[in-house]
Amino acid sequence: MKCIKNRSWIIFVLLILISYFQAKGTAEQTPDFKAKDISGLDVTLSELKGKVVLLDFWATWCPPCRVEVPNLREIYRKFKDEDFALISVSLDRDLQAARKFVKDKEMDWVHIIDWKAGREIATLYQVEYIPSTFVIGRKGKIEARQLRGDELKNKIAALLK
């Protein structure tokens, strides 16, 4: 009986280790979504396969999100002419304030500013706090998450090579 318990325990530990190393070693498949952008155009993530995509969750009332705006603007301007897309998903309830903020801060990339759609997409990505970022590689897999500043810029540059 003791041998069976030990064998079960060893198998259990091995299964956990295998799952851990598989998760660490491979990129995660990206949940797809379709929503309207700030201009009323459809945005479907799966249609961007072949591009490096930065998916950014934010809100105007979030101080750390506001701090990231210049960095996001710099990243967008640096990579916009390459196979790169930046999609910001606002979690604001005041949609007019979000639209005004985007215009005033010259945030010229794709924005999904729709409280319901934003919440649904955030749920798909299990966003627990903002700002939250997901870097999606050309094959449509999540390559990195929660990067900021130079680390984010360098990851995107590396994926675009």
Protein backbone atom coordinates (compact mmCIF):
# COMPACT_ATOMS: atom_id res chain seq x y z
CA MET A 1 0.00 0.00 0.00
CA LYS A 2 2.85 2.38 0.87
CA CYS A 3 4.44 1.72 -2.55
CA ILE A 4 1.19 2.70 -4.33
CA LYS A 5 0.92 5.95 -2.34
CA ASN A 6 4.54 6.84 -3.13
CA ARG A 7 4.05 6.05 -6.82
CA SER A 8 0.88 8.19 -6.93
CA TRP A 9 2.70 11.05 -5.24
CA ILE A 10 5.62 10.84 -7.68
CA ILE A 11 3.28 10.80 -10.69
CA PHE A 12 1.40 13.80 -9.29
CA VAL A 13 4.62 15.79 -8.83
CA LEU A 14 5.86 14.85 -12.30
CA LEU A 15 2.60 15.99 -13.89
CA ILE A 16 2.86 19.35 -12.14
CA LEU A 17 6.47 19.79 -13.25
CA ILE A 18 5.65 18.85 -16.85
CA SER A 19 2.77 21.36 -16.97
CA TYR A 20 4.96 24.08 -15.45
CA PHE A 21 7.78 23.62 -17.94
CA GLN A 22 5.41 23.38 -20.89
CA ALA A 23 3.82 26.69 -19.87
CA LYS A 24 7.22 28.36 -19.43
CA GLY A 25 8.62 27.02 -22.69
CA THR A 26 5.81 27.86 -25.10
CA ALA A 27 3.80 30.92 -25.90
CA GLU A 28 0.13 30.94 -25.00
CA GLN A 29 -2.63 31.04 -27.63
CA THR A 30 -4.33 34.41 -27.75
CA PRO A 31 -8.08 34.72 -27.16
CA ASP A 32 -9.71 36.25 -30.24
CA PHE A 33 -12.17 39.13 -30.08
CA LYS A 34 -14.13 41.45 -32.34
CA ALA A 35 -15.17 44.95 -31.30
CA LYS A 36 -15.73 48.43 -32.73
CA ASP A 37 -12.91 50.92 -32.52
CA ILE A 38 -13.27 54.61 -31.70
CA SER A 39 -14.12 55.31 -35.37
CA GLY A 40 -16.81 52.64 -35.51
CA LEU A 41 -14.69 50.20 -37.55
CA ASP A 42 -14.52 46.51 -36.68
CA VAL A 43 -11.35 45.30 -35.00
CA THR A 44 -10.82 41.54 -35.07
CA LEU A 45 -7.62 40.39 -33.42
CA SER A 46 -7.27 37.22 -35.52
CA GLU A 47 -7.18 39.37 -38.67
CA LEU A 48 -3.90 40.84 -37.42
CA LYS A 49 -2.12 37.48 -37.47
CA GLY A 50 1.28 38.00 -39.09
CA LYS A 51 1.77 41.26 -37.19
CA VAL A 52 3.21 41.91 -33.76
CA VAL A 53 0.36 43.30 -31.67
CA LEU A 54 0.56 45.24 -28.43
CA LEU A 55 -2.74 44.92 -26.57
CA ASP A 56 -3.01 47.58 -23.85
CA PHE A 57 -5.72 47.80 -21.18
CA TRP A 58 -6.08 51.22 -19.55
CA ALA A 59 -8.41 53.95 -18.26
CA THR A 60 -8.25 57.73 -18.00
CA TRP A 61 -8.78 57.61 -14.22
CA CYS A 62 -5.72 55.34 -13.74
CA PRO A 63 -2.56 57.36 -12.85
CA PRO A 64 -0.09 54.61 -13.92
CA CYS A 65 -1.97 54.34 -17.23
CA ARG A 66 -1.53 58.06 -17.81
CA VAL A 67 2.20 57.74 -17.07
CA GLU A 68 2.48 55.07 -19.80
CA VAL A 69 0.90 57.22 -22.53
CA PRO A 70 4.16 58.89 -23.72
CA ASN A 71 5.86 55.49 -23.86
CA LEU A 72 2.98 53.97 -25.87
CA ARG A 73 2.99 56.98 -28.19
CA GLU A 74 6.75 56.55 -28.74
CA ILE A 75 6.37 52.81 -29.40
CA TYR A 76 3.53 53.40 -31.85
CA ARG A 77 5.43 56.08 -33.77
CA LYS A 78 8.59 53.98 -33.89
CA PHE A 79 6.98 50.76 -35.16
CA LYS A 80 3.78 51.87 -36.96
CA ASP A 81 5.33 51.44 -40.43
CA GLU A 82 6.37 47.86 -39.68
CA ASP A 83 4.18 44.76 -39.18
CA PHE A 84 2.96 46.17 -35.87
CA ALA A 85 -0.40 47.12 -34.40
CA LEU A 86 -1.23 48.78 -31.09
CA ILE A 87 -4.72 48.28 -29.70
CA SER A 88 -5.70 50.08 -26.53
CA VAL A 89 -8.81 48.87 -24.72
CA SER A 90 -10.32 51.46 -22.41
CA LEU A 91 -12.08 50.35 -19.24
CA ASP A 92 -13.58 53.81 -18.71
CA ARG A 93 -17.27 54.22 -17.96
CA ASP A 94 -17.19 57.83 -19.16
CA LEU A 95 -16.72 57.16 -22.86
CA GLN A 96 -16.76 60.83 -23.89
CA ALA A 97 -13.96 61.63 -21.43
CA ALA A 98 -11.93 58.71 -22.82
CA ARG A 99 -12.46 59.87 -26.40
CA LYS A 100 -11.43 63.43 -25.46
CA PHE A 101 -8.34 62.12 -23.61
CA VAL A 102 -7.25 60.07 -26.65
CA LYS A 103 -7.62 63.09 -28.94
CA ASP A 104 -5.93 65.54 -26.55
CA LYS A 105 -2.97 63.22 -25.93
CA GLU A 106 -2.53 62.46 -29.66
CA MET A 107 -2.96 58.72 -29.15
CA ASP A 108 -3.22 57.98 -32.88
CA TRP A 109 -3.53 54.18 -32.76
CA VAL A 110 -6.53 51.84 -32.56
CA HIS A 111 -8.76 52.35 -29.52
CA ILE A 112 -11.67 50.30 -28.30
CA ILE A 113 -13.67 52.66 -26.12
CA ASP A 114 -16.82 50.76 -25.32
CA TRP A 115 -17.38 49.85 -21.70
CA LYS A 116 -19.16 46.55 -22.38
CA ALA A 117 -16.74 45.37 -25.09
CA GLY A 118 -13.77 46.51 -22.99
CA ARG A 119 -14.95 44.49 -19.98
CA GLU A 120 -15.56 41.41 -22.15
CA ILE A 121 -12.09 41.60 -23.69
CA ALA A 122 -10.51 42.22 -20.26
CA THR A 123 -12.29 39.12 -18.97
CA LEU A 124 -10.99 37.06 -21.92
CA TYR A 125 -7.44 38.10 -21.01
CA GLN A 126 -8.00 37.73 -17.26
CA VAL A 127 -6.94 41.33 -16.64
CA GLU A 128 -6.73 41.87 -12.89
CA TYR A 129 -5.26 45.38 -12.88
CA ILE A 130 -4.44 48.21 -15.21
CA PRO A 131 -2.35 49.14 -16.98
CA SER A 132 -1.99 45.64 -18.40
CA THR A 133 -0.14 44.84 -21.60
CA PHE A 134 0.07 41.74 -23.77
CA VAL A 135 2.58 41.40 -26.59
CA ILE A 136 1.25 39.05 -29.25
CA GLY A 137 3.67 37.56 -31.77
CA ARG A 138 3.20 37.10 -35.50
CA LYS A 139 1.79 33.58 -35.01
CA GLY A 140 -0.97 34.92 -32.75
CA LYS A 141 0.49 33.75 -29.45
CA ILE A 142 1.11 35.80 -26.30
CA GLU A 143 4.87 36.31 -26.15
CA ALA A 144 5.02 38.63 -23.11
CA ARG A 145 2.79 40.37 -20.63
CA GLN A 146 2.97 43.26 -18.18
CA LEU A 147 6.06 44.87 -19.72
CA ARG A 148 6.73 48.61 -19.48
CA GLY A 149 9.19 51.17 -20.80
CA ASP A 150 12.35 49.98 -22.53
CA GLU A 151 11.60 46.34 -21.73
CA LEU A 152 8.36 46.60 -23.72
CA LYS A 153 10.00 48.48 -26.59
CA ASN A 154 12.87 45.98 -26.76
CA LYS A 155 10.52 42.99 -26.80
CA ILE A 156 8.52 44.44 -29.69
CA ALA A 157 11.73 45.27 -31.60
CA ALA A 158 13.00 41.72 -31.10
CA LEU A 159 9.73 40.20 -32.38
CA LEU A 160 9.76 42.46 -35.43
CA LYS A 161 13.23 41.25 -36.53
